[in-house]
Amino acid sequence: MTGAQALQAALPRLTAAGIAAPMGDARRLLAHALQVPPGRLTLVLHDPLPEAAQARFEAAIAARATRQPVSQITGTRAFFGRDFHVTPDVLDPRPETEALVLAALDRPAARLLDLGTGSGCILLTLLAEWPEATGLGIDSSAAALAVAGRNARALDVQDRAELRTGDWLTGLAGPFDLIVSNPPYITESDHATLSPEVRDWEPRGALTPGGDGLDAYRRILPGVPALLAEGGRVLLEIGVGQDDDVGRIARAAGFARIACLPDLDGRGRVMALSCG
C-alpha cells in the first residue's frame, strides 16, 4: 500500500465520523505517521508505506474517528510561530489567543504572571520574545504544568519560567509588570453545544466554570491591583460578548483604564486593564 492509497482508504472512515475536513486531517496524520514535514508529504505519497508508518497511521485514523483533535494525536500545535506540545490535560492553543500575545508585545515587561497557564503558550511565547523577562505560571493542574514544563524546555526558557501549582491569586506576591490570563469563560449552556473535539477531549475546568462563565474574572480581578507594579497592565482573554460584564467587574475592582481589543477576526477578545 502506498501513502496515497492509505489516504483514500481513510477518507470514508473520517467522513462517516463527521469530520469536516477529512482530507486535510488525513494528510496531517499521514505526515505524522511517516515522520515527515506536512509540506513534503506529496513527495512521498506514491512510495510504499513502511509497516511501522502504516500502523501509526491506522492508530491515528482510529483516534481521529473518535473525534480526538489532530493536535492531541500528533502531540503538537503551532502557536505564534512556535510548536507547542499538547495533551488532553491542556487547552489546544488557539489563533484568537494570539491577539493577547500581540497586545502584550506592544509594551515590554520584565516580570510576568500567567494565571491558568495550561500549555504555557502565552507565558512561554512572551518569554521567548523578551529574552530578559522572567515569569511565573500558575495552574491548578499538575498535569498541565508538566506539559508547560516540557514546552519551556523545548523553547529554552525554562531558566526564566517558574511553574507553580496554585488557585488563582492565592499566596502570590508581586509586583508584576504584566499579568495575563486565558481563564475558563464558556457558559454552562454553551459548553454543551461545543464540537466533540473540544467538549469531549479538552479539560472541562479550563473551558467553563459553569453558570454564566464569569466566575474566574470575579475571582481574579479584585486581587490583581495589589500585585501590579506601577504602570503595570492586565490582559485577559474573554468570550465574545462578555466585554461589558467583565468591564463592570474590572471597574468595581478599581481599574481606571479598561479597553476591549479585537482578535484576528475582529471580535472583542482581550480586556486590557490598568489602574492609572
C-alpha atoms as a PDB file:
ATOM      1  CA  MET A   1       0.000   0.000   0.000  1.00  0.00           C
ATOM      2  CA  THR A   2       1.223   3.471  -0.872  1.00  0.00           C
ATOM      3  CA  GLY A   3       0.595   6.612   1.131  1.00  0.00           C
ATOM      4  CA  ALA A   4      -1.917   7.784  -1.479  1.00  0.00           C
ATOM      5  CA  GLN A   5      -3.847   4.518  -1.165  1.00  0.00           C
ATOM      6  CA  ALA A   6      -3.822   4.783   2.615  1.00  0.00           C
ATOM      7  CA  LEU A   7      -5.291   8.291   2.369  1.00  0.00           C
ATOM      8  CA  GLN A   8      -8.089   7.152   0.113  1.00  0.00           C
ATOM      9  CA  ALA A   9      -8.905   4.261   2.444  1.00  0.00           C
ATOM     10  CA  ALA A  10      -9.064   6.612   5.433  1.00  0.00           C
ATOM     11  CA  LEU A  11     -11.399   9.200   3.915  1.00  0.00           C
ATOM     12  CA  PRO A  12     -14.682   7.237   4.234  1.00  0.00           C
ATOM     13  CA  ARG A  13     -13.948   6.482   7.892  1.00  0.00           C
ATOM     14  CA  LEU A  14     -13.335  10.128   8.754  1.00  0.00           C
ATOM     15  CA  THR A  15     -16.320  11.281   6.718  1.00  0.00           C
ATOM     16  CA  ALA A  16     -18.577   8.782   8.480  1.00  0.00           C
ATOM     17  CA  ALA A  17     -17.307  10.101  11.826  1.00  0.00           C
ATOM     18  CA  GLY A  18     -18.448  13.614  10.918  1.00  0.00           C
ATOM     19  CA  ILE A  19     -15.018  15.142  10.338  1.00  0.00           C
ATOM     20  CA  ALA A  20     -15.494  18.431   8.489  1.00  0.00           C
ATOM     21  CA  ALA A  21     -12.191  18.354   6.558  1.00  0.00           C
ATOM     22  CA  PRO A  22     -11.299  14.666   6.243  1.00  0.00           C
ATOM     23  CA  MET A  23      -8.613  15.006   3.576  1.00  0.00           C
ATOM     24  CA  GLY A  24      -6.746  17.753   5.403  1.00  0.00           C
ATOM     25  CA  ASP A  25      -6.797  15.802   8.646  1.00  0.00           C
ATOM     26  CA  ALA A  26      -5.794  12.565   6.945  1.00  0.00           C
ATOM     27  CA  ARG A  27      -2.830  14.245   5.265  1.00  0.00           C
ATOM     28  CA  ARG A  28      -1.618  15.750   8.549  1.00  0.00           C
ATOM     29  CA  LEU A  29      -1.916  12.374  10.254  1.00  0.00           C
ATOM     30  CA  LEU A  30      -0.134  10.573   7.438  1.00  0.00           C
ATOM     31  CA  ALA A  31       2.726  13.068   7.583  1.00  0.00           C
ATOM     32  CA  HIS A  32       2.885  12.432  11.328  1.00  0.00           C
ATOM     33  CA  ALA A  33       2.904   8.670  10.781  1.00  0.00           C
ATOM     34  CA  LEU A  34       5.682   8.972   8.200  1.00  0.00           C
ATOM     35  CA  GLN A  35       7.556  11.456  10.388  1.00  0.00           C
ATOM     36  CA  VAL A  36       7.935  13.930   7.535  1.00  0.00           C
ATOM     37  CA  PRO A  37       7.022  17.639   7.414  1.00  0.00           C
ATOM     38  CA  PRO A  38       3.459  18.083   6.064  1.00  0.00           C
ATOM     39  CA  GLY A  39       4.833  20.188   3.221  1.00  0.00           C
ATOM     40  CA  ARG A  40       6.877  17.229   1.962  1.00  0.00           C
ATOM     41  CA  LEU A  41       4.088  14.665   2.077  1.00  0.00           C
ATOM     42  CA  THR A  42       3.284  14.953  -1.642  1.00  0.00           C
ATOM     43  CA  LEU A  43       6.837  13.885  -2.477  1.00  0.00           C
ATOM     44  CA  VAL A  44       6.418  10.502  -0.789  1.00  0.00           C
ATOM     45  CA  LEU A  45       2.733   9.758  -1.386  1.00  0.00           C
ATOM     46  CA  HIS A  46       3.405   7.178  -4.080  1.00  0.00           C
ATOM     47  CA  ASP A  47       6.126   5.343  -2.213  1.00  0.00           C
ATOM     48  CA  PRO A  48       5.312   2.085  -0.426  1.00  0.00           C
ATOM     49  CA  LEU A  49       4.129   2.793   3.113  1.00  0.00           C
ATOM     50  CA  PRO A  50       6.527   1.252   5.658  1.00  0.00           C
ATOM     51  CA  GLU A  51       4.888  -1.206   8.021  1.00  0.00           C
ATOM     52  CA  ALA A  52       5.590   0.885  11.112  1.00  0.00           C
ATOM     53  CA  ALA A  53       4.197   4.021   9.463  1.00  0.00           C
ATOM     54  CA  GLN A  54       1.113   2.111   8.350  1.00  0.00           C
ATOM     55  CA  ALA A  55       0.488   1.010  11.949  1.00  0.00           C
ATOM     56  CA  ARG A  56       0.948   4.584  13.229  1.00  0.00           C
ATOM     57  CA  PHE A  57      -1.417   5.918  10.571  1.00  0.00           C
ATOM     58  CA  GLU A  58      -4.069   3.308  11.368  1.00  0.00           C
ATOM     59  CA  ALA A  59      -3.911   4.183  15.068  1.00  0.00           C
ATOM     60  CA  ALA A  60      -4.107   7.896  14.258  1.00  0.00           C
ATOM     61  CA  ILE A  61      -7.130   7.489  11.996  1.00  0.00           C
ATOM     62  CA  ALA A  62      -8.874   5.343  14.607  1.00  0.00           C
ATOM     63  CA  ALA A  63      -8.246   8.063  17.196  1.00  0.00           C
ATOM     64  CA  ARG A  64      -9.463  10.834  14.888  1.00  0.00           C
ATOM     65  CA  ALA A  65     -12.641   8.853  14.186  1.00  0.00           C
ATOM     66  CA  THR A  66     -13.454   9.189  17.907  1.00  0.00           C
ATOM     67  CA  ARG A  67     -13.170  12.984  17.333  1.00  0.00           C
ATOM     68  CA  GLN A  68      -9.911  13.314  19.237  1.00  0.00           C
ATOM     69  CA  PRO A  69      -8.256  16.513  17.967  1.00  0.00           C
ATOM     70  CA  VAL A  70      -5.452  16.138  15.446  1.00  0.00           C
ATOM     71  CA  SER A  71      -3.166  18.180  17.700  1.00  0.00           C
ATOM     72  CA  GLN A  72      -3.579  15.693  20.547  1.00  0.00           C
ATOM     73  CA  ILE A  73      -2.900  12.770  18.225  1.00  0.00           C
ATOM     74  CA  THR A  74       0.254  14.345  16.811  1.00  0.00           C
ATOM     75  CA  GLY A  75       1.098  15.944  20.162  1.00  0.00           C
ATOM     76  CA  THR A  76       1.819  19.329  18.628  1.00  0.00           C
ATOM     77  CA  ARG A  77       0.015  22.598  17.900  1.00  0.00           C
ATOM     78  CA  ALA A  78       1.523  25.690  16.280  1.00  0.00           C
ATOM     79  CA  PHE A  79       1.086  28.969  18.164  1.00  0.00           C
ATOM     80  CA  PHE A  80       2.638  32.320  17.289  1.00  0.00           C
ATOM     81  CA  GLY A  81       5.170  30.644  15.011  1.00  0.00           C
ATOM     82  CA  ARG A  82       6.298  28.021  17.521  1.00  0.00           C
ATOM     83  CA  ASP A  83       5.293  24.406  18.119  1.00  0.00           C
ATOM     84  CA  PHE A  84       3.766  23.563  21.499  1.00  0.00           C
ATOM     85  CA  HIS A  85       3.305  20.113  22.959  1.00  0.00           C
ATOM     86  CA  VAL A  86      -0.334  19.435  23.830  1.00  0.00           C
ATOM     87  CA  THR A  87      -2.208  16.634  25.588  1.00  0.00           C
ATOM     88  CA  PRO A  88      -5.800  16.172  26.816  1.00  0.00           C
ATOM     89  CA  ASP A  89      -4.646  17.880  30.041  1.00  0.00           C
ATOM     90  CA  VAL A  90      -4.436  21.328  28.417  1.00  0.00           C
ATOM     91  CA  LEU A  91      -6.397  23.551  26.105  1.00  0.00           C
ATOM     92  CA  ASP A  92      -5.366  23.443  22.484  1.00  0.00           C
ATOM     93  CA  PRO A  93      -3.654  26.807  21.786  1.00  0.00           C
ATOM     94  CA  ARG A  94      -5.940  28.812  19.532  1.00  0.00           C
ATOM     95  CA  PRO A  95      -5.361  31.595  16.993  1.00  0.00           C
ATOM     96  CA  GLU A  96      -7.624  34.009  18.889  1.00  0.00           C
ATOM     97  CA  THR A  97      -5.283  33.813  21.888  1.00  0.00           C
ATOM     98  CA  GLU A  98      -2.521  35.197  19.692  1.00  0.00           C
ATOM     99  CA  ALA A  99      -4.363  38.531  19.948  1.00  0.00           C
ATOM    100  CA  LEU A 100      -3.485  38.617  23.644  1.00  0.00           C
ATOM    101  CA  VAL A 101       0.183  37.978  22.853  1.00  0.00           C
ATOM    102  CA  LEU A 102       0.186  40.738  20.237  1.00  0.00           C
ATOM    103  CA  ALA A 103      -1.345  43.167  22.745  1.00  0.00           C
ATOM    104  CA  ALA A 104       1.279  42.229  25.333  1.00  0.00           C
ATOM    105  CA  LEU A 105       4.125  42.825  22.900  1.00  0.00           C
ATOM    106  CA  ASP A 106       3.048  46.440  22.435  1.00  0.00           C
ATOM    107  CA  ARG A 107       4.963  47.310  25.605  1.00  0.00           C
ATOM    108  CA  PRO A 108       7.917  45.391  27.088  1.00  0.00           C
ATOM    109  CA  ALA A 109       7.619  43.871  30.554  1.00  0.00           C
ATOM    110  CA  ALA A 110      10.265  42.415  32.825  1.00  0.00           C
ATOM    111  CA  ARG A 111       8.229  40.330  35.285  1.00  0.00           C
ATOM    112  CA  LEU A 112       5.183  38.361  34.100  1.00  0.00           C
ATOM    113  CA  LEU A 113       2.378  36.399  35.746  1.00  0.00           C
ATOM    114  CA  ASP A 114       0.196  33.948  33.808  1.00  0.00           C
ATOM    115  CA  LEU A 115      -2.885  32.722  35.642  1.00  0.00           C
ATOM    116  CA  GLY A 116      -4.149  29.343  34.438  1.00  0.00           C
ATOM    117  CA  THR A 117      -1.093  28.807  32.258  1.00  0.00           C
ATOM    118  CA  GLY A 118      -2.115  25.429  30.786  1.00  0.00           C
ATOM    119  CA  SER A 119       0.299  24.526  27.988  1.00  0.00           C
ATOM    120  CA  GLY A 120       2.195  27.715  28.772  1.00  0.00           C
ATOM    121  CA  CYS A 121       1.612  29.069  25.275  1.00  0.00           C
ATOM    122  CA  ILE A 122       1.064  32.677  26.436  1.00  0.00           C
ATOM    123  CA  LEU A 123       3.763  32.941  29.097  1.00  0.00           C
ATOM    124  CA  LEU A 124       6.420  30.978  27.219  1.00  0.00           C
ATOM    125  CA  THR A 125       5.814  32.818  23.956  1.00  0.00           C
ATOM    126  CA  LEU A 126       6.308  36.133  25.745  1.00  0.00           C
ATOM    127  CA  LEU A 127       9.467  34.892  27.428  1.00  0.00           C
ATOM    128  CA  ALA A 128      10.780  33.727  24.062  1.00  0.00           C
ATOM    129  CA  GLU A 129      10.033  37.149  22.591  1.00  0.00           C
ATOM    130  CA  TRP A 130      11.542  39.011  25.584  1.00  0.00           C
ATOM    131  CA  PRO A 131      14.921  37.398  26.354  1.00  0.00           C
ATOM    132  CA  GLU A 132      15.418  39.439  29.535  1.00  0.00           C
ATOM    133  CA  ALA A 133      11.977  38.773  31.046  1.00  0.00           C
ATOM    134  CA  THR A 134      11.087  36.279  33.773  1.00  0.00           C
ATOM    135  CA  GLY A 135       7.673  34.844  34.520  1.00  0.00           C
ATOM    136  CA  LEU A 136       5.515  32.813  36.845  1.00  0.00           C
ATOM    137  CA  GLY A 137       2.852  30.452  35.531  1.00  0.00           C
ATOM    138  CA  ILE A 138       0.093  29.268  37.873  1.00  0.00           C
ATOM    139  CA  ASP A 139      -2.248  26.358  37.249  1.00  0.00           C
ATOM    140  CA  SER A 140      -4.364  24.167  39.483  1.00  0.00           C
ATOM    141  CA  SER A 141      -3.476  21.095  37.393  1.00  0.00           C
ATOM    142  CA  ALA A 142      -0.153  19.372  37.996  1.00  0.00           C
ATOM    143  CA  ALA A 143      -0.608  17.513  34.701  1.00  0.00           C
ATOM    144  CA  ALA A 144      -0.993  20.808  32.831  1.00  0.00           C
ATOM    145  CA  LEU A 145       2.134  22.175  34.489  1.00  0.00           C
ATOM    146  CA  ALA A 146       4.054  19.107  33.322  1.00  0.00           C
ATOM    147  CA  VAL A 147       3.053  19.975  29.749  1.00  0.00           C
ATOM    148  CA  ALA A 148       4.077  23.600  30.287  1.00  0.00           C
ATOM    149  CA  GLY A 149       7.418  22.456  31.691  1.00  0.00           C
ATOM    150  CA  ARG A 150       8.099  20.364  28.607  1.00  0.00           C
ATOM    151  CA  ASN A 151       7.278  23.356  26.407  1.00  0.00           C
ATOM    152  CA  ALA A 152       9.512  25.626  28.461  1.00  0.00           C
ATOM    153  CA  ARG A 153      12.431  23.263  27.917  1.00  0.00           C
ATOM    154  CA  ALA A 154      11.689  22.962  24.198  1.00  0.00           C
ATOM    155  CA  LEU A 155      11.771  26.758  23.860  1.00  0.00           C
ATOM    156  CA  ASP A 156      14.866  27.013  26.102  1.00  0.00           C
ATOM    157  CA  VAL A 157      13.170  29.414  28.521  1.00  0.00           C
ATOM    158  CA  GLN A 158      12.986  27.017  31.485  1.00  0.00           C
ATOM    159  CA  ASP A 159      15.503  29.048  33.495  1.00  0.00           C
ATOM    160  CA  ARG A 160      13.253  32.114  33.288  1.00  0.00           C
ATOM    161  CA  ALA A 161       9.882  30.404  33.803  1.00  0.00           C
ATOM    162  CA  GLU A 162       8.676  29.323  37.224  1.00  0.00           C
ATOM    163  CA  LEU A 163       5.689  26.986  37.074  1.00  0.00           C
ATOM    164  CA  ARG A 164       3.699  26.549  40.243  1.00  0.00           C
ATOM    165  CA  THR A 165       0.541  24.736  41.327  1.00  0.00           C
ATOM    166  CA  GLY A 166      -1.960  27.226  42.705  1.00  0.00           C
ATOM    167  CA  ASP A 167      -5.504  28.522  42.953  1.00  0.00           C
ATOM    168  CA  TRP A 168      -5.552  31.799  41.022  1.00  0.00           C
ATOM    169  CA  LEU A 169      -4.027  34.515  43.255  1.00  0.00           C
ATOM    170  CA  THR A 170      -3.779  32.556  46.498  1.00  0.00           C
ATOM    171  CA  GLY A 171      -0.397  33.062  48.130  1.00  0.00           C
ATOM    172  CA  LEU A 172       1.051  35.245  45.374  1.00  0.00           C
ATOM    173  CA  ALA A 173       3.150  38.344  45.913  1.00  0.00           C
ATOM    174  CA  GLY A 174       4.049  40.948  43.313  1.00  0.00           C
ATOM    175  CA  PRO A 175       4.949  43.178  41.806  1.00  0.00           C
ATOM    176  CA  PHE A 176       4.367  42.113  38.205  1.00  0.00           C
ATOM    177  CA  ASP A 177       4.655  44.364  35.174  1.00  0.00           C
ATOM    178  CA  LEU A 178       2.190  42.274  33.197  1.00  0.00           C
ATOM    179  CA  ILE A 179      -0.497  39.837  34.315  1.00  0.00           C
ATOM    180  CA  VAL A 180      -2.107  37.680  31.635  1.00  0.00           C
ATOM    181  CA  SER A 181      -4.771  35.009  31.703  1.00  0.00           C
ATOM    182  CA  ASN A 182      -6.946  32.935  29.415  1.00  0.00           C
ATOM    183  CA  PRO A 183      -9.337  31.719  32.115  1.00  0.00           C
ATOM    184  CA  PRO A 184     -12.355  29.422  31.645  1.00  0.00           C
ATOM    185  CA  TYR A 185     -15.163  31.644  30.333  1.00  0.00           C
ATOM    186  CA  ILE A 186     -17.604  29.478  28.380  1.00  0.00           C
ATOM    187  CA  THR A 187     -21.075  29.396  29.900  1.00  0.00           C
ATOM    188  CA  GLU A 188     -22.559  26.143  31.124  1.00  0.00           C
ATOM    189  CA  SER A 189     -25.189  26.181  28.383  1.00  0.00           C
ATOM    190  CA  ASP A 190     -22.684  26.938  25.616  1.00  0.00           C
ATOM    191  CA  HIS A 191     -20.362  24.162  26.769  1.00  0.00           C
ATOM    192  CA  ALA A 192     -22.957  21.582  25.783  1.00  0.00           C
ATOM    193  CA  THR A 193     -23.007  22.930  22.220  1.00  0.00           C
ATOM    194  CA  LEU A 194     -19.244  22.752  21.607  1.00  0.00           C
ATOM    195  CA  SER A 195     -17.816  20.405  19.000  1.00  0.00           C
ATOM    196  CA  PRO A 196     -16.920  16.929  20.275  1.00  0.00           C
ATOM    197  CA  GLU A 197     -13.232  17.732  19.750  1.00  0.00           C
ATOM    198  CA  VAL A 198     -13.497  20.463  22.371  1.00  0.00           C
ATOM    199  CA  ARG A 199     -16.314  19.275  24.640  1.00  0.00           C
ATOM    200  CA  ASP A 200     -15.137  15.678  24.986  1.00  0.00           C
ATOM    201  CA  TRP A 201     -11.358  15.969  24.696  1.00  0.00           C
ATOM    202  CA  GLU A 202     -10.230  19.219  26.294  1.00  0.00           C
ATOM    203  CA  PRO A 203     -10.267  19.718  30.090  1.00  0.00           C
ATOM    204  CA  ARG A 204     -13.711  20.927  31.162  1.00  0.00           C
ATOM    205  CA  GLY A 205     -12.305  23.005  34.014  1.00  0.00           C
ATOM    206  CA  ALA A 206     -10.176  25.011  31.587  1.00  0.00           C
ATOM    207  CA  LEU A 207     -13.181  25.688  29.349  1.00  0.00           C
ATOM    208  CA  THR A 208     -16.028  26.571  31.684  1.00  0.00           C
ATOM    209  CA  PRO A 209     -16.506  27.491  35.340  1.00  0.00           C
ATOM    210  CA  GLY A 210     -20.201  26.741  34.903  1.00  0.00           C
ATOM    211  CA  GLY A 211     -23.060  29.201  35.196  1.00  0.00           C
ATOM    212  CA  ASP A 212     -22.592  32.472  33.327  1.00  0.00           C
ATOM    213  CA  GLY A 213     -18.905  31.836  32.616  1.00  0.00           C
ATOM    214  CA  LEU A 214     -17.702  34.841  34.632  1.00  0.00           C
ATOM    215  CA  ASP A 215     -16.596  33.258  37.914  1.00  0.00           C
ATOM    216  CA  ALA A 216     -12.879  33.336  37.072  1.00  0.00           C
ATOM    217  CA  TYR A 217     -12.990  37.089  36.484  1.00  0.00           C
ATOM    218  CA  ARG A 218     -14.801  37.540  39.793  1.00  0.00           C
ATOM    219  CA  ARG A 219     -12.039  35.560  41.483  1.00  0.00           C
ATOM    220  CA  ILE A 220      -9.108  37.191  39.721  1.00  0.00           C
ATOM    221  CA  LEU A 221      -9.840  40.859  39.293  1.00  0.00           C
ATOM    222  CA  PRO A 222     -10.396  42.078  42.877  1.00  0.00           C
ATOM    223  CA  GLY A 223      -6.936  40.920  43.959  1.00  0.00           C
ATOM    224  CA  VAL A 224      -4.962  41.849  40.861  1.00  0.00           C
ATOM    225  CA  PRO A 225      -4.317  45.579  41.549  1.00  0.00           C
ATOM    226  CA  ALA A 226      -2.290  44.734  44.648  1.00  0.00           C
ATOM    227  CA  LEU A 227       0.038  42.566  42.541  1.00  0.00           C
ATOM    228  CA  LEU A 228       0.727  45.118  39.802  1.00  0.00           C
ATOM    229  CA  ALA A 229       3.873  47.195  39.561  1.00  0.00           C
ATOM    230  CA  GLU A 230       3.422  50.902  38.948  1.00  0.00           C
ATOM    231  CA  GLY A 231       2.239  51.268  35.366  1.00  0.00           C
ATOM    232  CA  GLY A 232       1.519  47.534  35.145  1.00  0.00           C
ATOM    233  CA  ARG A 233      -1.069  46.016  32.831  1.00  0.00           C
ATOM    234  CA  VAL A 234      -3.570  43.173  32.868  1.00  0.00           C
ATOM    235  CA  LEU A 235      -4.606  41.349  29.694  1.00  0.00           C
ATOM    236  CA  LEU A 236      -7.449  38.829  29.910  1.00  0.00           C
ATOM    237  CA  GLU A 237      -8.981  36.745  27.163  1.00  0.00           C
ATOM    238  CA  ILE A 238     -12.795  36.827  27.183  1.00  0.00           C
ATOM    239  CA  GLY A 239     -15.628  35.229  25.287  1.00  0.00           C
ATOM    240  CA  VAL A 240     -17.398  37.157  22.550  1.00  0.00           C
ATOM    241  CA  GLY A 241     -19.971  39.492  24.102  1.00  0.00           C
ATOM    242  CA  GLN A 242     -18.518  39.360  27.621  1.00  0.00           C
ATOM    243  CA  ASP A 243     -16.747  42.737  27.482  1.00  0.00           C
ATOM    244  CA  ASP A 244     -19.483  44.713  29.264  1.00  0.00           C
ATOM    245  CA  ASP A 245     -19.769  42.200  32.104  1.00  0.00           C
ATOM    246  CA  VAL A 246     -16.018  41.847  32.589  1.00  0.00           C
ATOM    247  CA  GLY A 247     -15.665  45.618  32.340  1.00  0.00           C
ATOM    248  CA  ARG A 248     -18.114  46.062  35.216  1.00  0.00           C
ATOM    249  CA  ILE A 249     -16.175  43.590  37.347  1.00  0.00           C
ATOM    250  CA  ALA A 250     -12.932  45.413  36.497  1.00  0.00           C
ATOM    251  CA  ARG A 251     -14.329  48.823  37.411  1.00  0.00           C
ATOM    252  CA  ALA A 252     -15.580  47.505  40.730  1.00  0.00           C
ATOM    253  CA  ALA A 253     -12.062  46.162  41.367  1.00  0.00           C
ATOM    254  CA  GLY A 254     -10.566  49.635  40.893  1.00  0.00           C
ATOM    255  CA  PHE A 255      -9.313  49.591  37.325  1.00  0.00           C
ATOM    256  CA  ALA A 256      -9.398  53.060  35.782  1.00  0.00           C
ATOM    257  CA  ARG A 257      -8.488  52.180  32.199  1.00  0.00           C
ATOM    258  CA  ILE A 258     -10.495  49.464  30.503  1.00  0.00           C
ATOM    259  CA  ALA A 259     -10.448  48.590  26.815  1.00  0.00           C
ATOM    260  CA  CYS A 260     -11.649  45.642  24.766  1.00  0.00           C
ATOM    261  CA  LEU A 261      -9.288  44.666  21.945  1.00  0.00           C
ATOM    262  CA  PRO A 262     -10.299  42.601  18.890  1.00  0.00           C
ATOM    263  CA  ASP A 263      -8.941  39.231  17.867  1.00  0.00           C
ATOM    264  CA  LEU A 264      -7.725  38.467  14.345  1.00  0.00           C
ATOM    265  CA  ASP A 265     -11.348  38.111  13.177  1.00  0.00           C
ATOM    266  CA  GLY A 266     -12.330  41.495  14.587  1.00  0.00           C
ATOM    267  CA  ARG A 267     -14.275  40.132  17.566  1.00  0.00           C
ATOM    268  CA  GLY A 268     -13.809  41.612  21.043  1.00  0.00           C
ATOM    269  CA  ARG A 269     -11.437  39.124  22.676  1.00  0.00           C
ATOM    270  CA  VAL A 270      -8.914  40.765  25.044  1.00  0.00           C
ATOM    271  CA  MET A 271      -9.643  43.030  28.009  1.00  0.00           C
ATOM    272  CA  ALA A 272      -6.754  45.472  28.569  1.00  0.00           C
ATOM    273  CA  LEU A 273      -6.790  46.875  32.085  1.00  0.00           C
ATOM    274  CA  SER A 274      -4.656  49.236  34.122  1.00  0.00           C
ATOM    275  CA  CYS A 275      -5.122  51.101  37.371  1.00  0.00           C
ATOM    276  CA  GLY A 276      -3.946  54.529  36.258  1.00  0.00           C
END
